[in-house]
Amino acid sequence: MLIENRFLKYISFLISFIFITYVIYIIISSFSIVKNQFIDIGDATYVNQVRTDDYTIKLANFLTKDCKSDINCEVQSILDFVTKIPYKINESIARSSKQVVEQNFGDCDDKSNLLISMLKVKGYEAYFVLVPKHIFVIVNLEQKLQNLKALYINEKRFYILESTAIGSKIAFPLKYNFNEIEAILDPFKNKKLVINKLEYR
């Protein structure tokens, strides 16, 4: 009887330890999700769903396989794919790359998350620009595009990519005033860029 009680005692300790470890894991995971996906923008909170997973890598590589290291071709091929996905308002938070592609619809959040995720895995420096009721992506390209305007952030050139306009091209025109730009975000670091100088030329 003593042996059985001792065995049950050890089993209960083991179960308690596993449960406590699991609870701690859930708490740490939740904290990590909040830290990496939620960012305060004024009175609101933006939740990103950027991904650098195998699915996103394979999709980006497939879309750019014929570009032969042509930067403009790579970016435009990725943009073309995203803009062909039908626009439909998503009432919940933004979805992952795989969900947007498999469900074949998305709003500006969804499509921008997909776009910037593929740019990231291809090695591009890209950011989110948050404006009232909209989000778009900007990307830094080594080569200056002739006769096309860019957004210069602290003297660094970025071209606008509009994920919701069918057939849009690199260097989509800026449709907003600077005072409407609520934040420029690096969603992979979940940080706002510090902007000392902003120009559109």
Protein backbone atom coordinates (compact mmCIF):
# COMPACT_ATOMS: atom_id res chain seq x y z
CA MET A 1 0.00 0.00 0.00
CA LEU A 2 2.91 2.32 0.84
CA ILE A 3 4.55 1.59 -2.53
CA GLU A 4 1.32 2.37 -4.38
CA ASN A 5 0.88 5.65 -2.50
CA ARG A 6 4.48 6.66 -3.22
CA PHE A 7 4.00 5.81 -6.91
CA LEU A 8 0.79 7.86 -7.08
CA LYS A 9 2.55 10.72 -5.32
CA TYR A 10 5.34 10.74 -7.93
CA ILE A 11 2.83 10.52 -10.76
CA SER A 12 0.84 13.46 -9.38
CA PHE A 13 4.07 15.49 -9.01
CA LEU A 14 5.02 14.66 -12.61
CA ILE A 15 1.57 15.62 -13.93
CA SER A 16 1.66 18.87 -11.93
CA PHE A 17 5.14 19.68 -13.25
CA ILE A 18 4.07 19.03 -16.87
CA PHE A 19 0.96 21.18 -16.43
CA ILE A 20 2.89 24.09 -14.86
CA THR A 21 5.55 23.87 -17.60
CA TYR A 22 2.82 23.95 -20.25
CA VAL A 23 1.15 27.00 -18.67
CA ILE A 24 4.50 28.82 -18.54
CA TYR A 25 5.10 27.92 -22.21
CA ILE A 26 1.67 29.33 -23.18
CA ILE A 27 2.33 32.56 -21.27
CA ILE A 28 5.76 33.04 -22.89
CA SER A 29 4.35 32.22 -26.35
CA SER A 30 1.51 34.70 -25.88
CA PHE A 31 3.94 37.40 -24.79
CA SER A 32 6.11 36.69 -27.84
CA ILE A 33 3.10 36.94 -30.19
CA VAL A 34 2.02 40.24 -28.69
CA LYS A 35 5.57 41.60 -28.84
CA ASN A 36 6.12 40.54 -32.45
CA GLN A 37 2.70 41.18 -33.97
CA PHE A 38 0.98 44.01 -32.08
CA ILE A 39 2.09 47.63 -32.27
CA ASP A 40 0.36 50.73 -30.96
CA ILE A 41 -0.39 53.41 -33.57
CA GLY A 42 -1.82 56.42 -31.78
CA ASP A 43 -5.18 55.34 -30.39
CA ALA A 44 -5.23 52.07 -32.36
CA THR A 45 -3.25 48.83 -32.44
CA TYR A 46 -1.96 47.26 -35.65
CA VAL A 47 -1.61 43.48 -35.83
CA ASN A 48 0.69 42.12 -38.54
CA GLN A 49 0.74 38.63 -39.99
CA VAL A 50 4.05 38.68 -41.85
CA ARG A 51 5.69 35.32 -42.50
CA THR A 52 9.12 34.05 -43.57
CA ASP A 53 8.06 30.41 -43.50
CA ASP A 54 8.72 27.66 -46.06
CA TYR A 55 5.43 28.34 -47.84
CA THR A 56 6.28 32.01 -48.41
CA ILE A 57 9.85 31.21 -49.49
CA LYS A 58 8.70 28.61 -52.04
CA LEU A 59 5.99 30.91 -53.40
CA ALA A 60 8.38 33.87 -53.78
CA ASN A 61 11.03 31.71 -55.45
CA PHE A 62 8.46 30.23 -57.84
CA LEU A 63 7.14 33.66 -58.85
CA THR A 64 10.63 35.02 -59.52
CA LYS A 65 12.25 31.96 -61.09
CA ASP A 66 12.43 33.54 -64.56
CA CYS A 67 13.83 36.89 -63.46
CA LYS A 68 17.57 36.03 -63.57
CA SER A 69 18.45 38.38 -60.67
CA ASP A 70 16.61 41.30 -62.30
CA ILE A 71 15.45 43.31 -59.29
CA ASN A 72 12.63 45.12 -61.10
CA CYS A 73 11.40 41.85 -62.58
CA GLU A 74 11.39 40.15 -59.17
CA VAL A 75 9.49 42.91 -57.42
CA GLN A 76 7.02 43.38 -60.27
CA SER A 77 6.37 39.61 -60.55
CA ILE A 78 5.58 39.40 -56.84
CA LEU A 79 3.41 42.53 -57.04
CA ASP A 80 1.54 41.19 -60.09
CA PHE A 81 0.68 37.99 -58.25
CA VAL A 82 -0.63 39.85 -55.21
CA THR A 83 -2.70 42.37 -57.18
CA LYS A 84 -4.44 39.55 -59.08
CA ILE A 85 -5.86 38.18 -55.83
CA PRO A 86 -9.43 39.54 -55.60
CA TYR A 87 -9.98 42.39 -53.18
CA LYS A 88 -12.51 41.64 -50.48
CA ILE A 89 -12.80 43.21 -47.04
CA ASN A 90 -11.69 40.92 -44.25
CA GLU A 91 -13.60 41.77 -41.07
CA SER A 92 -11.10 40.06 -38.76
CA ILE A 93 -7.34 40.63 -38.30
CA ALA A 94 -4.97 40.20 -41.24
CA ARG A 95 -4.33 36.64 -42.38
CA SER A 96 -1.12 34.75 -43.16
CA SER A 97 0.38 34.43 -46.64
CA LYS A 98 -0.92 30.89 -47.05
CA GLN A 99 -4.45 31.78 -45.96
CA VAL A 100 -4.66 34.70 -48.40
CA VAL A 101 -3.49 32.58 -51.33
CA GLU A 102 -5.58 29.51 -50.50
CA GLN A 103 -8.76 31.51 -49.82
CA ASN A 104 -8.03 33.72 -52.87
CA PHE A 105 -9.14 37.05 -51.45
CA GLY A 106 -7.88 39.80 -49.20
CA ASP A 107 -8.08 43.43 -48.24
CA CYS A 108 -5.17 45.88 -48.00
CA ASP A 109 -3.92 44.33 -44.74
CA ASP A 110 -3.98 40.77 -46.05
CA LYS A 111 -2.45 41.56 -49.41
CA SER A 112 0.21 43.87 -47.96
CA ASN A 113 1.22 41.18 -45.46
CA LEU A 114 1.58 38.69 -48.31
CA LEU A 115 3.50 41.17 -50.47
CA ILE A 116 5.98 42.30 -47.84
CA SER A 117 6.54 38.72 -46.65
CA MET A 118 7.62 37.63 -50.12
CA LEU A 119 9.82 40.71 -50.53
CA LYS A 120 11.47 39.95 -47.20
CA VAL A 121 12.36 36.37 -48.07
CA LYS A 122 13.86 37.62 -51.35
CA GLY A 123 16.09 39.97 -49.38
CA TYR A 124 14.42 43.36 -50.03
CA GLU A 125 14.20 46.18 -47.52
CA ALA A 126 10.51 46.96 -47.34
CA TYR A 127 8.14 48.63 -44.89
CA PHE A 128 4.45 49.17 -44.22
CA VAL A 129 3.01 52.66 -44.54
CA LEU A 130 -0.15 53.16 -42.49
CA VAL A 131 -2.55 55.89 -43.58
CA PRO A 132 -6.22 56.39 -42.65
CA LYS A 133 -8.14 53.15 -43.38
CA HIS A 134 -5.37 51.82 -45.64
CA ILE A 135 -1.92 50.26 -45.71
CA PHE A 136 0.61 49.99 -48.51
CA VAL A 137 4.17 48.77 -48.94
CA ILE A 138 7.35 50.62 -49.84
CA VAL A 139 10.51 48.94 -51.10
CA ASN A 140 14.07 50.10 -51.51
CA LEU A 141 15.58 49.36 -54.91
CA GLU A 142 19.28 49.82 -55.70
CA GLN A 143 18.50 51.19 -59.15
CA LYS A 144 16.76 54.54 -59.55
CA LEU A 145 13.77 54.26 -61.86
CA GLN A 146 13.81 56.98 -64.49
CA ASN A 147 10.99 59.56 -64.46
CA LEU A 148 9.27 57.85 -61.52
CA LYS A 149 8.75 59.41 -58.11
CA ALA A 150 9.86 57.79 -54.88
CA LEU A 151 9.33 58.36 -51.19
CA TYR A 152 12.61 59.42 -49.58
CA ILE A 153 12.87 58.55 -45.90
CA ASN A 154 15.90 60.11 -44.22
CA GLU A 155 17.38 60.53 -47.74
CA LYS A 156 16.86 56.83 -48.62
CA ARG A 157 14.74 56.07 -51.70
CA PHE A 158 11.66 53.82 -51.49
CA TYR A 159 9.15 53.03 -54.22
CA ILE A 160 5.46 52.61 -53.43
CA LEU A 161 3.79 49.25 -54.09
CA GLU A 162 -0.02 49.21 -54.02
CA SER A 163 -1.31 45.69 -53.39
CA THR A 164 -4.99 46.45 -53.98
CA ALA A 165 -4.82 48.06 -57.45
CA ILE A 166 -5.07 45.44 -60.20
CA GLY A 167 -2.13 45.66 -62.58
CA SER A 168 -0.34 48.33 -60.53
CA LYS A 169 3.35 48.91 -61.17
CA ILE A 170 6.36 49.74 -59.05
CA ALA A 171 6.31 53.43 -58.03
CA PHE A 172 2.55 53.72 -57.62
CA PRO A 173 1.72 57.43 -57.08
CA LEU A 174 1.45 58.65 -53.49
CA LYS A 175 -2.22 59.50 -52.89
CA TYR A 176 -1.82 60.88 -49.36
CA ASN A 177 -0.40 63.96 -47.69
CA PHE A 178 2.51 63.52 -45.33
CA ASN A 179 0.33 64.48 -42.36
CA GLU A 180 -1.92 61.48 -43.17
CA ILE A 181 0.95 59.02 -42.72
CA GLU A 182 0.26 57.55 -39.31
CA ALA A 183 3.36 55.38 -39.18
CA ILE A 184 5.99 53.63 -41.26
CA LEU A 185 6.62 50.20 -39.77
CA ASP A 186 9.14 47.42 -39.97
CA PRO A 187 6.72 44.55 -39.27
CA PHE A 188 9.54 42.02 -38.90
CA LYS A 189 11.00 43.99 -35.98
CA ASN A 190 7.58 45.38 -35.04
CA LYS A 191 8.97 48.89 -34.75
CA LYS A 192 8.11 52.29 -36.15
CA LEU A 193 10.78 53.98 -38.24
CA VAL A 194 12.15 57.18 -36.81
CA ILE A 195 11.61 59.75 -39.57
CA ASN A 196 13.82 62.80 -39.55
CA LYS A 197 13.16 63.80 -43.14
CA LEU A 198 10.43 62.79 -45.56
CA GLU A 199 10.22 63.77 -49.24
CA TYR A 200 8.32 62.64 -52.31
CA ARG A 201 10.13 63.43 -55.51
